[in-house]
Amino acid sequence: MDEPLLNIRELHTEQIGPIAFDLIQQRPLVLSGPSGSGKTLLLRSIADLDVNQGEVRLEGVARDQISAPLWRRQVAYLPAESAWWGKHVGDHFEELDRESLASLGFDVTVVDWEIKRLSTGERQRLALLRMLSRKPRVLLLDEPTANLDPDKTTAIETLVQSYCNDQDAGYIWVSHDPLQRERLGAARLTMQDGRLQDSVP
């Protein structure tokens, strides 16, 4: 059997856990559960953005053997609302892929746009592109298509799946939409009161 892309054992914080599961490259996961059940806390803990304990391995390498900046680059968390610190879109990218830009409805002139002119949906899509430009191995996606129209939702789903196929990457996607899970061909993890309740193939 292939080594799991991401291996999690006894992961816990004061609010969630203990939690254990594996992420397999060819088997993405959709994480669902009621508001406040701990979904965001779980993703942030995996990315080591919040204080947590437990064992997390990336392709067999323990998290504590990888520097925090490199871990967060390789196991990348996309929050529901991403931070923007520069004035222009281009300030936030090391490089831009024209094909990926076009797939989400942008052209290269977007680099000159001011952040303040972006709509919420544009920020969501550009935040995803920014994350993918850093070539992570695992994507932790916190409702990346919330409040987007069906066409843009489909474009993001397609881009994420194409990226993971091309890069042998994997993802955990927070979603409340069972139809989205079916479209993604993902297994389901359900959280309730800070714990995983089930796993459905």
N, C-alpha and C. Protein backbone atom coordinates (compact mmCIF):
# COMPACT_ATOMS: atom_id res chain seq x y z
N MET A 1 0.84 -1.20 0.00
CA MET A 1 0.00 0.00 0.00
C MET A 1 0.88 1.25 0.00
N ASP A 2 0.47 2.26 -0.78
CA ASP A 2 1.23 3.49 -0.86
C ASP A 2 1.21 4.22 0.48
N GLU A 3 2.30 4.94 0.75
CA GLU A 3 2.38 5.78 1.94
C GLU A 3 1.32 6.88 1.85
N PRO A 4 0.54 7.11 2.93
CA PRO A 4 -0.41 8.23 2.90
C PRO A 4 0.32 9.54 2.65
N LEU A 5 -0.33 10.41 1.92
CA LEU A 5 0.23 11.74 1.72
C LEU A 5 0.30 12.48 3.05
N LEU A 6 -0.77 12.37 3.83
CA LEU A 6 -0.84 13.01 5.15
C LEU A 6 -1.36 11.99 6.14
N ASN A 7 -0.64 11.84 7.23
CA ASN A 7 -0.99 10.86 8.26
C ASN A 7 -1.17 11.59 9.59
N ILE A 8 -2.35 11.45 10.19
CA ILE A 8 -2.69 12.19 11.41
C ILE A 8 -3.10 11.21 12.49
N ARG A 9 -2.45 11.33 13.66
CA ARG A 9 -2.76 10.45 14.78
C ARG A 9 -2.80 11.26 16.08
N GLU A 10 -3.87 11.08 16.84
CA GLU A 10 -4.02 11.70 18.18
C GLU A 10 -3.85 13.22 18.14
N LEU A 11 -4.29 13.84 17.06
CA LEU A 11 -4.20 15.30 16.97
C LEU A 11 -5.28 15.92 17.87
N HIS A 12 -4.87 16.84 18.73
CA HIS A 12 -5.86 17.45 19.61
C HIS A 12 -5.40 18.84 20.07
N THR A 13 -6.40 19.63 20.43
CA THR A 13 -6.20 20.93 21.06
C THR A 13 -7.14 20.98 22.26
N GLU A 14 -7.24 22.13 22.88
CA GLU A 14 -8.20 22.26 23.99
C GLU A 14 -9.63 22.15 23.50
N GLN A 15 -9.86 22.43 22.21
CA GLN A 15 -11.22 22.44 21.68
C GLN A 15 -11.60 21.21 20.87
N ILE A 16 -10.64 20.55 20.25
CA ILE A 16 -10.96 19.44 19.35
C ILE A 16 -10.08 18.23 19.63
N GLY A 17 -10.59 17.07 19.18
CA GLY A 17 -9.80 15.84 19.21
C GLY A 17 -10.10 14.93 20.39
N PRO A 18 -9.33 13.82 20.43
CA PRO A 18 -8.26 13.43 19.51
C PRO A 18 -8.81 12.99 18.15
N ILE A 19 -8.03 13.25 17.11
CA ILE A 19 -8.45 13.00 15.74
C ILE A 19 -7.37 12.20 15.02
N ALA A 20 -7.82 11.22 14.22
CA ALA A 20 -6.90 10.39 13.45
C ALA A 20 -7.52 10.05 12.10
N PHE A 21 -6.76 10.25 11.04
CA PHE A 21 -7.17 9.81 9.70
C PHE A 21 -5.98 9.95 8.77
N ASP A 22 -6.10 9.37 7.58
CA ASP A 22 -5.08 9.48 6.54
C ASP A 22 -5.68 10.19 5.33
N LEU A 23 -4.85 10.97 4.65
CA LEU A 23 -5.22 11.55 3.37
C LEU A 23 -4.39 10.87 2.29
N ILE A 24 -5.07 10.23 1.35
CA ILE A 24 -4.42 9.55 0.25
C ILE A 24 -4.47 10.45 -0.98
N GLN A 25 -3.40 10.49 -1.75
CA GLN A 25 -3.31 11.43 -2.87
C GLN A 25 -4.49 11.30 -3.83
N GLN A 26 -4.87 10.09 -4.16
CA GLN A 26 -5.95 9.90 -5.12
C GLN A 26 -7.34 9.86 -4.47
N ARG A 27 -7.41 10.15 -3.17
CA ARG A 27 -8.70 10.09 -2.49
C ARG A 27 -8.89 11.33 -1.64
N PRO A 28 -9.35 12.43 -2.23
CA PRO A 28 -9.56 13.66 -1.46
C PRO A 28 -10.64 13.49 -0.41
N LEU A 29 -10.65 14.41 0.53
CA LEU A 29 -11.61 14.37 1.63
C LEU A 29 -12.43 15.65 1.65
N VAL A 30 -13.74 15.50 1.87
CA VAL A 30 -14.61 16.64 2.15
C VAL A 30 -14.98 16.58 3.62
N LEU A 31 -14.73 17.67 4.32
CA LEU A 31 -15.00 17.77 5.75
C LEU A 31 -16.28 18.57 5.95
N SER A 32 -17.25 17.96 6.62
CA SER A 32 -18.52 18.63 6.86
C SER A 32 -18.87 18.56 8.33
N GLY A 33 -19.93 19.27 8.69
CA GLY A 33 -20.36 19.32 10.08
C GLY A 33 -21.00 20.65 10.38
N PRO A 34 -21.78 20.72 11.45
CA PRO A 34 -22.46 21.97 11.78
C PRO A 34 -21.49 23.09 12.13
N SER A 35 -21.97 24.31 12.04
CA SER A 35 -21.17 25.47 12.41
C SER A 35 -20.71 25.34 13.86
N GLY A 36 -19.43 25.62 14.10
CA GLY A 36 -18.88 25.51 15.44
C GLY A 36 -18.43 24.13 15.85
N SER A 37 -18.46 23.18 14.91
CA SER A 37 -18.09 21.80 15.26
C SER A 37 -16.58 21.59 15.29
N GLY A 38 -15.81 22.55 14.75
CA GLY A 38 -14.36 22.43 14.83
C GLY A 38 -13.65 22.23 13.51
N LYS A 39 -14.35 22.40 12.41
CA LYS A 39 -13.74 22.15 11.09
C LYS A 39 -12.56 23.08 10.83
N THR A 40 -12.76 24.37 11.04
CA THR A 40 -11.68 25.32 10.82
C THR A 40 -10.53 25.09 11.79
N LEU A 41 -10.86 24.78 13.04
CA LEU A 41 -9.82 24.51 14.03
C LEU A 41 -8.98 23.30 13.63
N LEU A 42 -9.63 22.29 13.03
CA LEU A 42 -8.89 21.12 12.59
C LEU A 42 -7.92 21.49 11.47
N LEU A 43 -8.38 22.22 10.47
CA LEU A 43 -7.48 22.61 9.38
C LEU A 43 -6.33 23.45 9.89
N ARG A 44 -6.61 24.39 10.78
CA ARG A 44 -5.56 25.25 11.32
C ARG A 44 -4.56 24.44 12.15
N SER A 45 -5.03 23.42 12.83
CA SER A 45 -4.13 22.57 13.62
C SER A 45 -3.23 21.74 12.71
N ILE A 46 -3.80 21.20 11.64
CA ILE A 46 -2.99 20.43 10.69
C ILE A 46 -1.89 21.31 10.10
N ALA A 47 -2.25 22.56 9.79
CA ALA A 47 -1.27 23.50 9.24
C ALA A 47 -0.32 24.04 10.29
N ASP A 48 -0.53 23.69 11.55
CA ASP A 48 0.30 24.13 12.67
C ASP A 48 0.22 25.64 12.88
N LEU A 49 -0.97 26.19 12.67
CA LEU A 49 -1.20 27.61 12.90
C LEU A 49 -1.72 27.89 14.30
N ASP A 50 -2.27 26.87 14.95
CA ASP A 50 -2.73 26.97 16.33
C ASP A 50 -1.98 25.95 17.18
N VAL A 51 -1.90 26.21 18.47
CA VAL A 51 -1.24 25.27 19.39
C VAL A 51 -1.98 23.94 19.36
N ASN A 52 -1.24 22.86 19.15
CA ASN A 52 -1.85 21.53 19.09
C ASN A 52 -0.83 20.48 19.45
N GLN A 53 -1.32 19.29 19.73
CA GLN A 53 -0.46 18.15 20.03
C GLN A 53 -0.91 16.96 19.21
N GLY A 54 -0.01 16.03 19.02
CA GLY A 54 -0.31 14.85 18.24
C GLY A 54 0.73 14.64 17.16
N GLU A 55 0.53 13.61 16.38
CA GLU A 55 1.49 13.24 15.34
C GLU A 55 0.89 13.53 13.97
N VAL A 56 1.59 14.33 13.19
CA VAL A 56 1.19 14.63 11.82
C VAL A 56 2.40 14.39 10.93
N ARG A 57 2.21 13.59 9.89
CA ARG A 57 3.31 13.26 8.98
C ARG A 57 2.94 13.61 7.55
N LEU A 58 3.88 14.17 6.82
CA LEU A 58 3.73 14.45 5.40
C LEU A 58 4.63 13.50 4.64
N GLU A 59 4.02 12.59 3.90
CA GLU A 59 4.75 11.57 3.16
C GLU A 59 5.77 10.86 4.05
N GLY A 60 5.33 10.54 5.25
CA GLY A 60 6.14 9.78 6.18
C GLY A 60 7.09 10.58 7.04
N VAL A 61 7.21 11.87 6.78
CA VAL A 61 8.13 12.72 7.55
C VAL A 61 7.35 13.46 8.62
N ALA A 62 7.78 13.34 9.87
CA ALA A 62 7.08 13.97 10.99
C ALA A 62 7.14 15.49 10.88
N ARG A 63 6.05 16.12 11.27
CA ARG A 63 5.95 17.58 11.19
C ARG A 63 7.06 18.27 11.97
N ASP A 64 7.45 17.71 13.12
CA ASP A 64 8.47 18.38 13.93
C ASP A 64 9.87 18.25 13.33
N GLN A 65 10.00 17.52 12.23
CA GLN A 65 11.28 17.45 11.52
C GLN A 65 11.36 18.44 10.36
N ILE A 66 10.30 19.21 10.18
CA ILE A 66 10.22 20.18 9.09
C ILE A 66 10.05 21.57 9.70
N SER A 67 10.77 22.56 9.21
CA SER A 67 10.63 23.91 9.75
C SER A 67 9.19 24.40 9.57
N ALA A 68 8.74 25.23 10.49
CA ALA A 68 7.36 25.72 10.44
C ALA A 68 7.04 26.44 9.13
N PRO A 69 7.91 27.34 8.63
CA PRO A 69 7.59 28.00 7.36
C PRO A 69 7.47 27.02 6.20
N LEU A 70 8.37 26.02 6.15
CA LEU A 70 8.31 25.05 5.06
C LEU A 70 7.07 24.18 5.20
N TRP A 71 6.74 23.77 6.43
CA TRP A 71 5.53 22.97 6.64
C TRP A 71 4.30 23.72 6.13
N ARG A 72 4.19 24.99 6.47
CA ARG A 72 3.00 25.76 6.09
C ARG A 72 2.96 26.06 4.59
N ARG A 73 4.11 25.98 3.96
CA ARG A 73 4.14 26.11 2.50
C ARG A 73 3.72 24.81 1.84
N GLN A 74 4.13 23.70 2.44
CA GLN A 74 3.80 22.39 1.88
C GLN A 74 2.40 21.91 2.26
N VAL A 75 1.95 22.26 3.44
CA VAL A 75 0.61 21.91 3.92
C VAL A 75 -0.12 23.25 4.09
N ALA A 76 -0.73 23.70 3.00
CA ALA A 76 -1.18 25.09 2.90
C ALA A 76 -2.65 25.23 3.26
N TYR A 77 -2.93 26.19 4.11
CA TYR A 77 -4.29 26.46 4.58
C TYR A 77 -4.86 27.68 3.86
N LEU A 78 -6.04 27.51 3.27
CA LEU A 78 -6.74 28.61 2.62
C LEU A 78 -7.96 28.95 3.47
N PRO A 79 -7.91 30.05 4.22
CA PRO A 79 -9.05 30.41 5.08
C PRO A 79 -10.22 30.94 4.26
N ALA A 80 -11.36 31.04 4.91
CA ALA A 80 -12.54 31.58 4.24
C ALA A 80 -12.29 33.02 3.80
N GLU A 81 -11.52 33.77 4.57
CA GLU A 81 -11.15 35.14 4.21
C GLU A 81 -9.64 35.28 4.36
N SER A 82 -8.95 35.41 3.23
CA SER A 82 -7.49 35.46 3.25
C SER A 82 -6.98 36.88 3.49
N ALA A 83 -5.78 36.96 4.04
CA ALA A 83 -5.16 38.26 4.31
C ALA A 83 -4.48 38.79 3.05
N TRP A 84 -4.52 40.10 2.91
CA TRP A 84 -3.84 40.80 1.81
C TRP A 84 -3.06 41.96 2.41
N TRP A 85 -1.77 42.01 2.17
CA TRP A 85 -0.93 43.00 2.86
C TRP A 85 -0.37 44.06 1.91
N GLY A 86 -0.22 43.75 0.63
CA GLY A 86 0.29 44.73 -0.32
C GLY A 86 -0.84 45.53 -0.96
N LYS A 87 -0.49 46.56 -1.67
CA LYS A 87 -1.49 47.43 -2.30
C LYS A 87 -2.10 46.80 -3.54
N HIS A 88 -1.26 46.09 -4.32
CA HIS A 88 -1.70 45.54 -5.60
C HIS A 88 -1.68 44.01 -5.56
N VAL A 89 -2.46 43.42 -6.46
CA VAL A 89 -2.52 41.96 -6.54
C VAL A 89 -1.13 41.38 -6.78
N GLY A 90 -0.36 41.99 -7.68
CA GLY A 90 0.95 41.46 -8.02
C GLY A 90 1.93 41.41 -6.86
N ASP A 91 1.68 42.21 -5.82
CA ASP A 91 2.55 42.20 -4.65
C ASP A 91 2.48 40.87 -3.90
N HIS A 92 1.47 40.07 -4.19
CA HIS A 92 1.21 38.86 -3.41
C HIS A 92 1.62 37.58 -4.14
N PHE A 93 2.19 37.72 -5.32
CA PHE A 93 2.53 36.54 -6.12
C PHE A 93 4.01 36.52 -6.45
N GLU A 94 4.62 35.34 -6.30
CA GLU A 94 5.98 35.15 -6.76
C GLU A 94 6.00 34.94 -8.28
N GLU A 95 4.97 34.27 -8.78
CA GLU A 95 4.81 34.07 -10.21
C GLU A 95 3.33 33.83 -10.49
N LEU A 96 2.92 34.12 -11.72
CA LEU A 96 1.53 33.94 -12.11
C LEU A 96 1.45 33.06 -13.34
N ASP A 97 0.54 32.11 -13.31
CA ASP A 97 0.34 31.20 -14.43
C ASP A 97 -0.85 31.70 -15.25
N ARG A 98 -0.60 32.04 -16.51
CA ARG A 98 -1.66 32.61 -17.35
C ARG A 98 -2.84 31.67 -17.50
N GLU A 99 -2.55 30.38 -17.66
CA GLU A 99 -3.63 29.41 -17.86
C GLU A 99 -4.52 29.32 -16.63
N SER A 100 -3.90 29.30 -15.45
CA SER A 100 -4.68 29.24 -14.22
C SER A 100 -5.49 30.52 -14.02
N LEU A 101 -4.87 31.66 -14.33
CA LEU A 101 -5.60 32.93 -14.25
C LEU A 101 -6.83 32.90 -15.14
N ALA A 102 -6.63 32.47 -16.39
CA ALA A 102 -7.74 32.45 -17.34
C ALA A 102 -8.84 31.50 -16.90
N SER A 103 -8.45 30.39 -16.28
CA SER A 103 -9.46 29.41 -15.86
C SER A 103 -10.40 29.96 -14.80
N LEU A 104 -9.94 30.98 -14.07
CA LEU A 104 -10.78 31.60 -13.04
C LEU A 104 -11.26 32.99 -13.45
N GLY A 105 -11.15 33.30 -14.75
CA GLY A 105 -11.74 34.52 -15.26
C GLY A 105 -10.89 35.77 -15.19
N PHE A 106 -9.56 35.61 -15.08
CA PHE A 106 -8.66 36.76 -15.00
C PHE A 106 -7.69 36.74 -16.18
N ASP A 107 -7.10 37.90 -16.48
CA ASP A 107 -5.95 37.95 -17.38
C ASP A 107 -4.78 38.59 -16.64
N VAL A 108 -3.65 38.73 -17.31
CA VAL A 108 -2.44 39.16 -16.61
C VAL A 108 -2.53 40.59 -16.08
N THR A 109 -3.47 41.37 -16.58
CA THR A 109 -3.59 42.74 -16.08
C THR A 109 -4.04 42.79 -14.62
N VAL A 110 -4.49 41.64 -14.11
CA VAL A 110 -4.96 41.61 -12.72
C VAL A 110 -3.83 41.97 -11.75
N VAL A 111 -2.58 41.78 -12.15
CA VAL A 111 -1.47 42.08 -11.25
C VAL A 111 -1.43 43.55 -10.87
N ASP A 112 -2.00 44.40 -11.71
CA ASP A 112 -1.98 45.84 -11.45
C ASP A 112 -3.22 46.32 -10.69
N TRP A 113 -4.16 45.42 -10.44
CA TRP A 113 -5.36 45.83 -9.72
C TRP A 113 -5.03 46.11 -8.26
N GLU A 114 -5.70 47.11 -7.72
CA GLU A 114 -5.57 47.38 -6.29
C GLU A 114 -6.46 46.41 -5.50
N ILE A 115 -5.94 45.94 -4.38
CA ILE A 115 -6.69 44.99 -3.56
C ILE A 115 -8.05 45.56 -3.16
N LYS A 116 -8.10 46.84 -2.89
CA LYS A 116 -9.35 47.43 -2.39
C LYS A 116 -10.48 47.40 -3.41
N ARG A 117 -10.15 47.21 -4.69
CA ARG A 117 -11.19 47.17 -5.71
C ARG A 117 -11.76 45.78 -5.92
N LEU A 118 -11.16 44.77 -5.31
CA LEU A 118 -11.58 43.39 -5.52
C LEU A 118 -12.88 43.09 -4.78
N SER A 119 -13.75 42.35 -5.44
CA SER A 119 -14.94 41.84 -4.77
C SER A 119 -14.55 40.67 -3.87
N THR A 120 -15.47 40.25 -3.02
CA THR A 120 -15.20 39.10 -2.16
C THR A 120 -14.88 37.86 -2.98
N GLY A 121 -15.65 37.64 -4.05
CA GLY A 121 -15.41 36.47 -4.90
C GLY A 121 -14.07 36.53 -5.60
N GLU A 122 -13.68 37.71 -6.06
CA GLU A 122 -12.37 37.85 -6.71
C GLU A 122 -11.25 37.58 -5.72
N ARG A 123 -11.42 38.04 -4.51
CA ARG A 123 -10.40 37.76 -3.48
C ARG A 123 -10.30 36.26 -3.22
N GLN A 124 -11.44 35.58 -3.15
CA GLN A 124 -11.43 34.13 -2.93
C GLN A 124 -10.64 33.43 -4.02
N ARG A 125 -10.94 33.76 -5.26
CA ARG A 125 -10.30 33.08 -6.39
C ARG A 125 -8.81 33.40 -6.47
N LEU A 126 -8.46 34.65 -6.24
CA LEU A 126 -7.04 35.02 -6.28
C LEU A 126 -6.26 34.43 -5.11
N ALA A 127 -6.90 34.30 -3.96
CA ALA A 127 -6.23 33.67 -2.82
C ALA A 127 -5.89 32.22 -3.13
N LEU A 128 -6.79 31.52 -3.81
CA LEU A 128 -6.51 30.15 -4.21
C LEU A 128 -5.34 30.11 -5.19
N LEU A 129 -5.34 30.98 -6.18
CA LEU A 129 -4.24 31.02 -7.14
C LEU A 129 -2.91 31.33 -6.45
N ARG A 130 -2.95 32.24 -5.49
CA ARG A 130 -1.73 32.57 -4.73
C ARG A 130 -1.21 31.34 -4.01
N MET A 131 -2.09 30.58 -3.38
CA MET A 131 -1.67 29.39 -2.67
C MET A 131 -1.09 28.36 -3.64
N LEU A 132 -1.76 28.12 -4.76
CA LEU A 132 -1.30 27.12 -5.71
C LEU A 132 0.04 27.50 -6.33
N SER A 133 0.31 28.80 -6.45
CA SER A 133 1.57 29.24 -7.06
C SER A 133 2.78 28.82 -6.23
N ARG A 134 2.55 28.49 -4.96
CA ARG A 134 3.64 28.07 -4.07
C ARG A 134 3.84 26.56 -4.06
N LYS A 135 3.06 25.85 -4.87
CA LYS A 135 3.21 24.41 -5.09
C LYS A 135 3.12 23.58 -3.80
N PRO A 136 2.05 23.71 -3.04
CA PRO A 136 1.91 22.88 -1.84
C PRO A 136 1.64 21.43 -2.19
N ARG A 137 1.93 20.55 -1.25
CA ARG A 137 1.64 19.12 -1.41
C ARG A 137 0.23 18.78 -0.91
N VAL A 138 -0.23 19.53 0.09
CA VAL A 138 -1.57 19.31 0.65
C VAL A 138 -2.29 20.65 0.70
N LEU A 139 -3.54 20.67 0.24
CA LEU A 139 -4.37 21.87 0.28
C LEU A 139 -5.43 21.69 1.37
N LEU A 140 -5.51 22.65 2.26
CA LEU A 140 -6.52 22.66 3.32
C LEU A 140 -7.46 23.81 3.00
N LEU A 141 -8.62 23.50 2.44
CA LEU A 141 -9.50 24.49 1.83
C LEU A 141 -10.75 24.70 2.67
N ASP A 142 -10.87 25.89 3.24
CA ASP A 142 -11.99 26.20 4.14
C ASP A 142 -13.10 26.90 3.36
N GLU A 143 -14.02 26.11 2.83
CA GLU A 143 -15.16 26.60 2.05
C GLU A 143 -14.72 27.56 0.93
N PRO A 144 -13.87 27.08 0.01
CA PRO A 144 -13.32 27.97 -1.01
C PRO A 144 -14.32 28.45 -2.05
N THR A 145 -15.49 27.80 -2.11
CA THR A 145 -16.49 28.23 -3.10
C THR A 145 -17.73 28.82 -2.44
N ALA A 146 -17.67 29.13 -1.16
CA ALA A 146 -18.82 29.72 -0.48
C ALA A 146 -19.20 31.03 -1.16
N ASN A 147 -20.49 31.18 -1.44
CA ASN A 147 -21.05 32.41 -2.01
C ASN A 147 -20.63 32.68 -3.45
N LEU A 148 -20.05 31.70 -4.12
CA LEU A 148 -19.73 31.86 -5.54
C LEU A 148 -20.84 31.28 -6.40
N ASP A 149 -20.99 31.81 -7.61
CA ASP A 149 -22.03 31.28 -8.50
C ASP A 149 -21.59 29.92 -9.05
N PRO A 150 -22.53 29.17 -9.65
CA PRO A 150 -22.20 27.81 -10.10
C PRO A 150 -21.04 27.74 -11.07
N ASP A 151 -20.94 28.68 -12.00
CA ASP A 151 -19.84 28.63 -12.97
C ASP A 151 -18.48 28.81 -12.30
N LYS A 152 -18.40 29.75 -11.39
CA LYS A 152 -17.12 29.98 -10.70
C LYS A 152 -16.80 28.83 -9.74
N THR A 153 -17.84 28.26 -9.14
CA THR A 153 -17.64 27.08 -8.29
C THR A 153 -17.05 25.94 -9.10
N THR A 154 -17.62 25.68 -10.27
CA THR A 154 -17.12 24.62 -11.13
C THR A 154 -15.68 24.89 -11.55
N ALA A 155 -15.37 26.15 -11.85
CA ALA A 155 -14.01 26.50 -12.27
C ALA A 155 -13.00 26.21 -11.16
N ILE A 156 -13.36 26.53 -9.92
CA ILE A 156 -12.45 26.27 -8.80
C ILE A 156 -12.30 24.77 -8.56
N GLU A 157 -13.41 24.04 -8.61
CA GLU A 157 -13.33 22.59 -8.43
C GLU A 157 -12.41 21.97 -9.48
N THR A 158 -12.56 22.41 -10.73
CA THR A 158 -11.75 21.87 -11.82
C THR A 158 -10.28 22.22 -11.64
N LEU A 159 -10.01 23.46 -11.25
CA LEU A 159 -8.62 23.88 -11.06
C LEU A 159 -7.94 23.09 -9.94
N VAL A 160 -8.62 22.92 -8.82
CA VAL A 160 -8.04 22.18 -7.70
C VAL A 160 -7.77 20.73 -8.10
N GLN A 161 -8.72 20.10 -8.77
CA GLN A 161 -8.52 18.71 -9.17
C GLN A 161 -7.39 18.59 -10.19
N SER A 162 -7.32 19.52 -11.13
CA SER A 162 -6.24 19.48 -12.12
C SER A 162 -4.88 19.67 -11.46
N TYR A 163 -4.81 20.63 -10.54
CA TYR A 163 -3.55 20.87 -9.83
C TYR A 163 -3.10 19.61 -9.09
N CYS A 164 -4.02 19.00 -8.36
CA CYS A 164 -3.65 17.83 -7.56
C CYS A 164 -3.24 16.66 -8.45
N ASN A 165 -3.89 16.50 -9.59
CA ASN A 165 -3.49 15.44 -10.51
C ASN A 165 -2.11 15.72 -11.09
N ASP A 166 -1.85 16.96 -11.46
CA ASP A 166 -0.56 17.31 -12.07
C ASP A 166 0.59 17.25 -11.07
N GLN A 167 0.33 17.63 -9.82
CA GLN A 167 1.38 17.76 -8.81
C GLN A 167 1.42 16.57 -7.83
N ASP A 168 0.57 15.57 -8.05
CA ASP A 168 0.46 14.45 -7.10
C ASP A 168 0.18 14.97 -5.69
N ALA A 169 -0.66 15.98 -5.60
CA ALA A 169 -1.03 16.58 -4.32
C ALA A 169 -2.38 16.03 -3.86
N GLY A 170 -2.80 16.46 -2.68
CA GLY A 170 -4.09 16.05 -2.14
C GLY A 170 -4.75 17.20 -1.43
N TYR A 171 -6.03 17.03 -1.10
CA TYR A 171 -6.72 18.13 -0.44
C TYR A 171 -7.80 17.66 0.53
N ILE A 172 -8.05 18.54 1.50
CA ILE A 172 -9.18 18.42 2.41
C ILE A 172 -10.02 19.67 2.19
N TRP A 173 -11.29 19.49 1.88
CA TRP A 173 -12.16 20.58 1.43
C TRP A 173 -13.35 20.67 2.37
N VAL A 174 -13.49 21.79 3.07
CA VAL A 174 -14.66 21.99 3.92
C VAL A 174 -15.83 22.41 3.05
N SER A 175 -16.93 21.67 3.16
CA SER A 175 -18.12 21.97 2.36
C SER A 175 -19.36 21.44 3.08
N HIS A 176 -20.46 22.17 2.90
CA HIS A 176 -21.75 21.72 3.44
C HIS A 176 -22.64 21.14 2.33
N ASP A 177 -22.11 21.05 1.13
CA ASP A 177 -22.90 20.66 -0.04
C ASP A 177 -22.61 19.21 -0.42
N PRO A 178 -23.56 18.28 -0.20
CA PRO A 178 -23.31 16.88 -0.55
C PRO A 178 -23.11 16.68 -2.05
N LEU A 179 -23.72 17.52 -2.87
CA LEU A 179 -23.53 17.40 -4.31
C LEU A 179 -22.10 17.78 -4.70
N GLN A 180 -21.53 18.71 -3.98
CA GLN A 180 -20.14 19.07 -4.26
C GLN A 180 -19.21 17.90 -3.95
N ARG A 181 -19.47 17.22 -2.85
CA ARG A 181 -18.64 16.05 -2.52
C ARG A 181 -18.72 15.01 -3.63
N GLU A 182 -19.91 14.81 -4.19
CA GLU A 182 -20.06 13.85 -5.28
C GLU A 182 -19.28 14.30 -6.52
N ARG A 183 -19.36 15.59 -6.82
CA ARG A 183 -18.63 16.09 -7.99
C ARG A 183 -17.13 15.92 -7.82
N LEU A 184 -16.65 16.11 -6.60
CA LEU A 184 -15.22 16.00 -6.34
C LEU A 184 -14.76 14.55 -6.23
N GLY A 185 -15.70 13.63 -6.09
CA GLY A 185 -15.34 12.23 -5.92
C GLY A 185 -14.59 11.98 -4.63
N ALA A 186 -14.99 12.71 -3.57
CA ALA A 186 -14.26 12.69 -2.31
C ALA A 186 -14.93 11.81 -1.27
N ALA A 187 -14.13 11.30 -0.36
CA ALA A 187 -14.66 10.65 0.84
C ALA A 187 -15.11 11.73 1.81
N ARG A 188 -15.99 11.36 2.74
CA ARG A 188 -16.53 12.34 3.68
C ARG A 188 -16.01 12.11 5.08
N LEU A 189 -15.61 13.20 5.72
CA LEU A 189 -15.35 13.23 7.15
C LEU A 189 -16.36 14.18 7.78
N THR A 190 -16.98 13.77 8.87
CA THR A 190 -17.97 14.61 9.53
C THR A 190 -17.51 14.93 10.94
N MET A 191 -17.55 16.21 11.30
CA MET A 191 -17.19 16.64 12.64
C MET A 191 -18.43 17.02 13.44
N GLN A 192 -18.39 16.68 14.71
CA GLN A 192 -19.45 17.06 15.65
C GLN A 192 -18.80 17.26 17.01
N ASP A 193 -18.99 18.44 17.57
CA ASP A 193 -18.45 18.73 18.90
C ASP A 193 -16.95 18.46 19.00
N GLY A 194 -16.21 18.82 17.95
CA GLY A 194 -14.76 18.72 17.99
C GLY A 194 -14.18 17.36 17.70
N ARG A 195 -15.02 16.41 17.30
CA ARG A 195 -14.53 15.05 17.01
C ARG A 195 -15.05 14.58 15.67
N LEU A 196 -14.31 13.68 15.04
CA LEU A 196 -14.78 13.06 13.82
C LEU A 196 -15.83 12.01 14.15
N GLN A 197 -16.93 12.05 13.41
CA GLN A 197 -18.03 11.12 13.66
C GLN A 197 -18.00 9.90 12.76
N ASP A 198 -17.62 10.12 11.51
CA ASP A 198 -17.63 8.99 10.59
C ASP A 198 -16.74 9.28 9.40
N SER A 199 -16.55 8.25 8.61
CA SER A 199 -15.81 8.36 7.36
C SER A 199 -16.57 7.56 6.33
N VAL A 200 -16.95 8.22 5.22
CA VAL A 200 -17.76 7.55 4.21
C VAL A 200 -17.01 7.53 2.90
N PRO A 201 -16.81 6.35 2.31
CA PRO A 201 -16.09 6.28 1.04
C PRO A 201 -16.89 6.88 -0.11
